[in-house]
Every structure is written in C-alpha cells, then in structure tokens.
Amino acid sequence: MRITTKGRYALRAVISLARSSNEGRPVSIKSIAEQEDISAEFLEQIFFKLRKADVIRSVRGPGGGFFFARPLDEITLMDIIEASGEGLGITPCACGKKEPCDRKKDCAAFHIWRAMDGHMRDFAEGKTVADMVR
C-alpha cells in the first residue's frame, strides 16, 4: 500500500479548507493552492473527486469557492482516501479484492495481513477532519 501524490494532496487540501473556512464560508481553490503549494489545476482534479464523493461542495461566482458537504466530525480520513482514488489494501487477499489467491487456505501470513488491514481501516474510519484540525 502506498498513498500517491494525489492522495497526500487531497488530505492536505481538505485540512487547509477546514482551517481556512470561516463558519462554512466558501474558500477559493486558488487560496488553498497557494497555502499548500499545490498546482491549482491539479487541485481542481482532486476537488472534482471530493465533490463527486460528497465530501465537499462548491459555489460559483464572486465570493465562491469550496466548502464541506457535511459536518467535519462526519468526514473521515477513509472518505478522503477513497474519494481521491486511493485504497488501503495491503494485499489482495487481505482487503477482499476479487483477485484470487491460490494460497489463501494455507497461507501463514494471511491472518497477519488481514489484521494489519483491519487496523489501518479502523484508524482511517475513526479519524475525522474535526480530529485532524484540532
């Protein structure tokens, strides 16, 4: 498992949005891009995915920008990871992917991978944006 640049930037941008947003007011993509030193064009791609996953919303026009679609204590790290197209799967057999494993029944490591996968998922599902900005 490796989080790509897109996943890392998505998390940074979400935290930046949370810190910059006053009472839910929209924040421009340009502002977040400058704060995080991320290309605005790349950030647009990331925010498109976050919007599609109902993590954030946007409003156009003067004073427009992005804001959260739900309260910060309802948006998890897992929501951000999945919305950005990342995954936490360590191995196909541990995370339930459809790729068959011919050693699943007698694999000595299966239970280790499965437990590790579970711990990472529990952490990501239990960590909210509200937690991250505290």
N, C-alpha and C. Protein backbone atom coordinates (compact mmCIF):
# COMPACT_ATOMS: atom_id res chain seq x y z
N MET A 1 0.84 -1.18 0.00
CA MET A 1 0.00 0.00 0.00
C MET A 1 0.88 1.24 0.00
N ARG A 2 0.55 2.13 -0.89
CA ARG A 2 1.28 3.38 -0.96
C ARG A 2 0.31 4.47 -1.38
N ILE A 3 0.26 5.54 -0.60
CA ILE A 3 -0.60 6.66 -0.93
C ILE A 3 0.15 7.52 -1.95
N THR A 4 -0.49 7.80 -3.06
CA THR A 4 0.15 8.59 -4.12
C THR A 4 0.10 10.08 -3.79
N THR A 5 0.72 10.86 -4.66
CA THR A 5 0.70 12.31 -4.51
C THR A 5 -0.73 12.83 -4.47
N LYS A 6 -1.59 12.27 -5.30
CA LYS A 6 -2.99 12.72 -5.32
C LYS A 6 -3.64 12.52 -3.96
N GLY A 7 -3.42 11.40 -3.33
CA GLY A 7 -3.98 11.13 -2.01
C GLY A 7 -3.40 12.03 -0.93
N ARG A 8 -2.10 12.24 -0.98
CA ARG A 8 -1.44 13.13 0.00
C ARG A 8 -1.93 14.56 -0.15
N TYR A 9 -2.03 15.01 -1.39
CA TYR A 9 -2.51 16.38 -1.63
C TYR A 9 -3.98 16.54 -1.25
N ALA A 10 -4.77 15.50 -1.46
CA ALA A 10 -6.19 15.56 -1.10
C ALA A 10 -6.33 15.79 0.41
N LEU A 11 -5.56 15.07 1.19
CA LEU A 11 -5.63 15.24 2.64
C LEU A 11 -5.15 16.63 3.05
N ARG A 12 -4.04 17.08 2.50
CA ARG A 12 -3.54 18.42 2.81
C ARG A 12 -4.56 19.49 2.45
N ALA A 13 -5.18 19.35 1.29
CA ALA A 13 -6.15 20.35 0.83
C ALA A 13 -7.40 20.36 1.71
N VAL A 14 -7.85 19.19 2.13
CA VAL A 14 -9.03 19.12 2.99
C VAL A 14 -8.74 19.78 4.34
N ILE A 15 -7.58 19.49 4.90
CA ILE A 15 -7.22 20.12 6.17
C ILE A 15 -7.09 21.63 6.00
N SER A 16 -6.50 22.07 4.91
CA SER A 16 -6.37 23.50 4.63
C SER A 16 -7.74 24.15 4.48
N LEU A 17 -8.65 23.50 3.78
CA LEU A 17 -10.01 24.01 3.62
C LEU A 17 -10.68 24.14 4.99
N ALA A 18 -10.51 23.13 5.82
CA ALA A 18 -11.13 23.15 7.15
C ALA A 18 -10.57 24.30 8.00
N ARG A 19 -9.28 24.54 7.90
CA ARG A 19 -8.66 25.61 8.68
C ARG A 19 -8.99 26.99 8.13
N SER A 20 -9.24 27.09 6.85
CA SER A 20 -9.46 28.38 6.20
C SER A 20 -10.93 28.81 6.18
N SER A 21 -11.81 27.85 6.30
CA SER A 21 -13.23 28.14 6.18
C SER A 21 -13.77 28.75 7.46
N ASN A 22 -14.28 29.96 7.35
CA ASN A 22 -14.91 30.64 8.48
C ASN A 22 -16.40 30.38 8.46
N GLU A 23 -16.88 29.64 9.44
CA GLU A 23 -18.31 29.38 9.57
C GLU A 23 -18.92 28.81 8.28
N GLY A 24 -18.17 27.96 7.59
CA GLY A 24 -18.68 27.31 6.39
C GLY A 24 -18.63 28.15 5.13
N ARG A 25 -17.99 29.32 5.21
CA ARG A 25 -17.89 30.16 4.01
C ARG A 25 -16.99 29.50 2.97
N PRO A 26 -17.34 29.65 1.70
CA PRO A 26 -16.53 29.05 0.64
C PRO A 26 -15.10 29.61 0.60
N VAL A 27 -14.17 28.74 0.25
CA VAL A 27 -12.76 29.12 0.13
C VAL A 27 -12.36 28.83 -1.31
N SER A 28 -11.66 29.77 -1.93
CA SER A 28 -11.27 29.60 -3.33
C SER A 28 -10.19 28.54 -3.48
N ILE A 29 -10.21 27.90 -4.62
CA ILE A 29 -9.21 26.88 -4.91
C ILE A 29 -7.82 27.53 -5.01
N LYS A 30 -7.79 28.77 -5.49
CA LYS A 30 -6.52 29.49 -5.61
C LYS A 30 -5.89 29.70 -4.23
N SER A 31 -6.72 30.05 -3.27
CA SER A 31 -6.24 30.27 -1.91
C SER A 31 -5.64 28.99 -1.32
N ILE A 32 -6.34 27.89 -1.48
CA ILE A 32 -5.84 26.61 -0.96
C ILE A 32 -4.58 26.19 -1.70
N ALA A 33 -4.57 26.36 -3.01
CA ALA A 33 -3.39 26.01 -3.81
C ALA A 33 -2.16 26.79 -3.35
N GLU A 34 -2.35 28.07 -3.07
CA GLU A 34 -1.23 28.89 -2.60
C GLU A 34 -0.77 28.48 -1.21
N GLN A 35 -1.72 28.23 -0.32
CA GLN A 35 -1.38 27.83 1.05
C GLN A 35 -0.60 26.52 1.07
N GLU A 36 -0.98 25.60 0.23
CA GLU A 36 -0.39 24.27 0.23
C GLU A 36 0.69 24.05 -0.83
N ASP A 37 0.94 25.07 -1.64
CA ASP A 37 1.93 24.98 -2.72
C ASP A 37 1.62 23.78 -3.64
N ILE A 38 0.37 23.74 -4.06
CA ILE A 38 -0.11 22.71 -4.98
C ILE A 38 -0.67 23.42 -6.21
N SER A 39 -0.40 22.90 -7.37
CA SER A 39 -0.93 23.49 -8.59
C SER A 39 -2.45 23.54 -8.54
N ALA A 40 -3.02 24.69 -8.88
CA ALA A 40 -4.47 24.86 -8.87
C ALA A 40 -5.14 23.88 -9.83
N GLU A 41 -4.49 23.59 -10.94
CA GLU A 41 -5.06 22.65 -11.91
C GLU A 41 -5.15 21.24 -11.33
N PHE A 42 -4.09 20.83 -10.63
CA PHE A 42 -4.08 19.51 -10.01
C PHE A 42 -5.11 19.46 -8.88
N LEU A 43 -5.22 20.53 -8.14
CA LEU A 43 -6.19 20.62 -7.05
C LEU A 43 -7.62 20.55 -7.58
N GLU A 44 -7.87 21.11 -8.75
CA GLU A 44 -9.19 21.03 -9.37
C GLU A 44 -9.58 19.57 -9.63
N GLN A 45 -8.62 18.78 -10.09
CA GLN A 45 -8.87 17.35 -10.34
C GLN A 45 -9.22 16.63 -9.04
N ILE A 46 -8.48 16.95 -7.99
CA ILE A 46 -8.72 16.33 -6.70
C ILE A 46 -10.08 16.75 -6.15
N PHE A 47 -10.38 18.05 -6.24
CA PHE A 47 -11.65 18.55 -5.71
C PHE A 47 -12.83 18.03 -6.51
N PHE A 48 -12.65 17.76 -7.79
CA PHE A 48 -13.70 17.14 -8.58
C PHE A 48 -14.09 15.80 -7.96
N LYS A 49 -13.08 15.01 -7.59
CA LYS A 49 -13.34 13.70 -6.99
C LYS A 49 -13.97 13.84 -5.61
N LEU A 50 -13.48 14.80 -4.83
CA LEU A 50 -14.04 15.02 -3.50
C LEU A 50 -15.49 15.49 -3.57
N ARG A 51 -15.78 16.30 -4.58
CA ARG A 51 -17.15 16.77 -4.78
C ARG A 51 -18.06 15.62 -5.20
N LYS A 52 -17.56 14.79 -6.08
CA LYS A 52 -18.32 13.63 -6.56
C LYS A 52 -18.64 12.66 -5.41
N ALA A 53 -17.75 12.59 -4.43
CA ALA A 53 -17.93 11.71 -3.28
C ALA A 53 -18.71 12.38 -2.14
N ASP A 54 -19.20 13.58 -2.40
CA ASP A 54 -19.99 14.34 -1.42
C ASP A 54 -19.21 14.67 -0.13
N VAL A 55 -17.91 14.93 -0.32
CA VAL A 55 -17.09 15.40 0.80
C VAL A 55 -17.15 16.93 0.84
N ILE A 56 -17.08 17.53 -0.34
CA ILE A 56 -17.15 18.99 -0.44
C ILE A 56 -18.19 19.39 -1.46
N ARG A 57 -18.54 20.67 -1.45
CA ARG A 57 -19.43 21.25 -2.45
C ARG A 57 -18.79 22.55 -2.91
N SER A 58 -19.36 23.11 -3.95
CA SER A 58 -18.82 24.37 -4.45
C SER A 58 -19.94 25.33 -4.80
N VAL A 59 -19.57 26.59 -4.83
CA VAL A 59 -20.48 27.63 -5.27
C VAL A 59 -19.70 28.52 -6.23
N ARG A 60 -20.32 28.90 -7.31
CA ARG A 60 -19.66 29.71 -8.34
C ARG A 60 -19.88 31.20 -8.10
N GLY A 61 -19.09 31.99 -8.82
CA GLY A 61 -19.29 33.44 -8.80
C GLY A 61 -18.43 34.15 -7.78
N PRO A 62 -18.62 35.46 -7.69
CA PRO A 62 -17.86 36.25 -6.72
C PRO A 62 -18.12 35.74 -5.30
N GLY A 63 -17.05 35.55 -4.58
CA GLY A 63 -17.17 35.01 -3.22
C GLY A 63 -17.39 33.51 -3.20
N GLY A 64 -17.29 32.90 -4.37
CA GLY A 64 -17.49 31.46 -4.48
C GLY A 64 -16.28 30.68 -4.05
N GLY A 65 -16.41 29.39 -4.07
CA GLY A 65 -15.32 28.51 -3.70
C GLY A 65 -15.86 27.19 -3.21
N PHE A 66 -15.10 26.56 -2.34
CA PHE A 66 -15.45 25.23 -1.84
C PHE A 66 -15.75 25.26 -0.36
N PHE A 67 -16.64 24.37 0.05
CA PHE A 67 -17.00 24.21 1.45
C PHE A 67 -17.37 22.76 1.68
N PHE A 68 -17.48 22.37 2.92
CA PHE A 68 -17.76 20.96 3.23
C PHE A 68 -19.23 20.63 3.06
N ALA A 69 -19.48 19.44 2.54
CA ALA A 69 -20.84 18.97 2.30
C ALA A 69 -21.48 18.44 3.58
N ARG A 70 -20.66 18.07 4.54
CA ARG A 70 -21.14 17.51 5.80
C ARG A 70 -20.35 18.12 6.95
N PRO A 71 -20.82 17.96 8.17
CA PRO A 71 -20.04 18.44 9.31
C PRO A 71 -18.67 17.75 9.37
N LEU A 72 -17.66 18.46 9.86
CA LEU A 72 -16.29 17.93 9.87
C LEU A 72 -16.16 16.65 10.70
N ASP A 73 -17.00 16.48 11.69
CA ASP A 73 -16.91 15.27 12.50
C ASP A 73 -17.60 14.07 11.86
N GLU A 74 -18.13 14.26 10.65
CA GLU A 74 -18.75 13.16 9.90
C GLU A 74 -17.92 12.77 8.67
N ILE A 75 -16.85 13.50 8.40
CA ILE A 75 -15.99 13.20 7.25
C ILE A 75 -14.72 12.55 7.78
N THR A 76 -14.47 11.33 7.32
CA THR A 76 -13.33 10.58 7.84
C THR A 76 -12.15 10.58 6.87
N LEU A 77 -11.02 10.19 7.42
CA LEU A 77 -9.82 10.01 6.61
C LEU A 77 -10.11 8.99 5.51
N MET A 78 -10.87 7.96 5.83
CA MET A 78 -11.23 6.95 4.83
C MET A 78 -12.03 7.57 3.70
N ASP A 79 -12.95 8.48 4.02
CA ASP A 79 -13.72 9.16 2.98
C ASP A 79 -12.79 9.88 2.01
N ILE A 80 -11.79 10.54 2.54
CA ILE A 80 -10.85 11.31 1.71
C ILE A 80 -9.99 10.38 0.88
N ILE A 81 -9.48 9.33 1.51
CA ILE A 81 -8.63 8.36 0.80
C ILE A 81 -9.41 7.73 -0.36
N GLU A 82 -10.62 7.27 -0.09
CA GLU A 82 -11.41 6.61 -1.13
C GLU A 82 -11.84 7.59 -2.22
N ALA A 83 -12.22 8.80 -1.82
CA ALA A 83 -12.66 9.80 -2.80
C ALA A 83 -11.53 10.18 -3.75
N SER A 84 -10.32 10.20 -3.25
CA SER A 84 -9.19 10.59 -4.09
C SER A 84 -8.70 9.46 -4.99
N GLY A 85 -9.34 8.31 -4.87
CA GLY A 85 -8.99 7.19 -5.74
C GLY A 85 -7.92 6.28 -5.15
N GLU A 86 -7.62 6.48 -3.89
CA GLU A 86 -6.62 5.65 -3.22
C GLU A 86 -7.31 4.46 -2.58
N GLY A 87 -6.52 3.57 -2.08
CA GLY A 87 -7.03 2.43 -1.36
C GLY A 87 -6.07 2.07 -0.25
N LEU A 88 -6.57 1.39 0.75
CA LEU A 88 -5.71 0.99 1.86
C LEU A 88 -5.29 -0.47 1.78
N GLY A 89 -5.75 -1.17 0.77
CA GLY A 89 -5.47 -2.60 0.70
C GLY A 89 -3.99 -2.93 0.70
N ILE A 90 -3.60 -3.78 1.62
CA ILE A 90 -2.20 -4.21 1.72
C ILE A 90 -1.91 -5.29 0.70
N THR A 91 -2.75 -6.29 0.68
CA THR A 91 -2.62 -7.38 -0.28
C THR A 91 -4.03 -7.73 -0.78
N PRO A 92 -4.15 -8.25 -1.97
CA PRO A 92 -5.49 -8.56 -2.50
C PRO A 92 -6.27 -9.51 -1.59
N CYS A 93 -5.61 -10.45 -0.98
CA CYS A 93 -6.34 -11.42 -0.16
C CYS A 93 -6.83 -10.81 1.15
N ALA A 94 -6.13 -9.82 1.66
CA ALA A 94 -6.49 -9.24 2.96
C ALA A 94 -7.60 -8.21 2.85
N CYS A 95 -7.69 -7.53 1.73
CA CYS A 95 -8.66 -6.43 1.65
C CYS A 95 -9.92 -6.81 0.88
N GLY A 96 -10.02 -8.07 0.45
CA GLY A 96 -11.25 -8.52 -0.17
C GLY A 96 -11.35 -8.26 -1.66
N LYS A 97 -10.24 -7.95 -2.32
CA LYS A 97 -10.29 -7.75 -3.76
C LYS A 97 -10.66 -9.06 -4.44
N LYS A 98 -11.15 -8.96 -5.63
CA LYS A 98 -11.63 -10.14 -6.35
C LYS A 98 -10.50 -11.00 -6.93
N GLU A 99 -9.29 -10.46 -6.93
CA GLU A 99 -8.17 -11.24 -7.47
C GLU A 99 -7.97 -12.48 -6.60
N PRO A 100 -8.00 -13.65 -7.21
CA PRO A 100 -7.88 -14.86 -6.40
C PRO A 100 -6.46 -15.07 -5.86
N CYS A 101 -6.40 -15.66 -4.71
CA CYS A 101 -5.12 -16.04 -4.12
C CYS A 101 -5.13 -17.55 -3.99
N ASP A 102 -4.19 -18.20 -4.65
CA ASP A 102 -4.19 -19.66 -4.64
C ASP A 102 -3.66 -20.25 -3.33
N ARG A 103 -3.19 -19.39 -2.42
CA ARG A 103 -2.66 -19.90 -1.15
C ARG A 103 -3.47 -19.44 0.07
N LYS A 104 -4.62 -18.89 -0.15
CA LYS A 104 -5.41 -18.31 0.96
C LYS A 104 -5.67 -19.31 2.09
N LYS A 105 -5.97 -20.54 1.75
CA LYS A 105 -6.31 -21.53 2.78
C LYS A 105 -5.12 -21.94 3.64
N ASP A 106 -3.94 -22.00 3.06
CA ASP A 106 -2.78 -22.46 3.83
C ASP A 106 -1.68 -21.41 3.93
N CYS A 107 -2.04 -20.15 3.78
CA CYS A 107 -1.04 -19.07 3.85
C CYS A 107 -0.81 -18.67 5.31
N ALA A 108 0.40 -18.79 5.77
CA ALA A 108 0.74 -18.45 7.15
C ALA A 108 0.63 -16.95 7.41
N ALA A 109 0.74 -16.14 6.39
CA ALA A 109 0.74 -14.68 6.56
C ALA A 109 -0.65 -14.06 6.41
N PHE A 110 -1.62 -14.82 5.91
CA PHE A 110 -2.95 -14.26 5.63
C PHE A 110 -3.53 -13.54 6.84
N HIS A 111 -3.51 -14.16 8.00
CA HIS A 111 -4.13 -13.57 9.19
C HIS A 111 -3.38 -12.32 9.65
N ILE A 112 -2.09 -12.28 9.42
CA ILE A 112 -1.29 -11.10 9.76
C ILE A 112 -1.70 -9.94 8.85
N TRP A 113 -1.75 -10.21 7.55
CA TRP A 113 -2.15 -9.15 6.59
C TRP A 113 -3.57 -8.68 6.87
N ARG A 114 -4.45 -9.62 7.15
CA ARG A 114 -5.85 -9.30 7.41
C ARG A 114 -5.99 -8.41 8.66
N ALA A 115 -5.24 -8.75 9.72
CA ALA A 115 -5.28 -7.95 10.95
C ALA A 115 -4.70 -6.55 10.71
N MET A 116 -3.60 -6.48 9.99
CA MET A 116 -2.99 -5.18 9.69
C MET A 116 -3.94 -4.32 8.86
N ASP A 117 -4.56 -4.92 7.88
CA ASP A 117 -5.54 -4.22 7.05
C ASP A 117 -6.68 -3.69 7.92
N GLY A 118 -7.16 -4.51 8.83
CA GLY A 118 -8.24 -4.09 9.73
C GLY A 118 -7.85 -2.92 10.62
N HIS A 119 -6.63 -2.94 11.14
CA HIS A 119 -6.16 -1.83 11.99
C HIS A 119 -6.08 -0.53 11.21
N MET A 120 -5.57 -0.61 9.99
CA MET A 120 -5.46 0.60 9.17
C MET A 120 -6.84 1.14 8.83
N ARG A 121 -7.75 0.27 8.48
CA ARG A 121 -9.12 0.69 8.16
C ARG A 121 -9.80 1.29 9.39
N ASP A 122 -9.63 0.67 10.54
CA ASP A 122 -10.23 1.20 11.77
C ASP A 122 -9.69 2.60 12.05
N PHE A 123 -8.39 2.78 11.88
CA PHE A 123 -7.79 4.10 12.10
C PHE A 123 -8.37 5.12 11.14
N ALA A 124 -8.39 4.79 9.84
CA ALA A 124 -8.87 5.73 8.82
C ALA A 124 -10.35 6.03 8.98
N GLU A 125 -11.13 5.06 9.40
CA GLU A 125 -12.56 5.28 9.59
C GLU A 125 -12.86 6.01 10.90
N GLY A 126 -11.93 5.96 11.84
CA GLY A 126 -12.13 6.60 13.13
C GLY A 126 -11.56 8.00 13.24
N LYS A 127 -10.77 8.42 12.26
CA LYS A 127 -10.13 9.74 12.29
C LYS A 127 -10.93 10.69 11.41
N THR A 128 -11.52 11.72 12.02
CA THR A 128 -12.33 12.67 11.26
C THR A 128 -11.55 13.93 10.94
N VAL A 129 -12.10 14.72 10.04
CA VAL A 129 -11.47 16.01 9.71
C VAL A 129 -11.45 16.89 10.96
N ALA A 130 -12.49 16.83 11.75
CA ALA A 130 -12.52 17.61 13.01
C ALA A 130 -11.34 17.21 13.89
N ASP A 131 -11.04 15.91 13.99
CA ASP A 131 -9.87 15.45 14.76
C ASP A 131 -8.58 16.02 14.20
N MET A 132 -8.48 16.02 12.89
CA MET A 132 -7.23 16.42 12.23
C MET A 132 -6.92 17.90 12.36
N VAL A 133 -7.94 18.72 12.48
CA VAL A 133 -7.68 20.18 12.58
C VAL A 133 -7.53 20.64 14.03
N ARG A 134 -7.79 19.76 14.98
CA ARG A 134 -7.60 20.13 16.40
C ARG A 134 -6.14 20.21 16.73
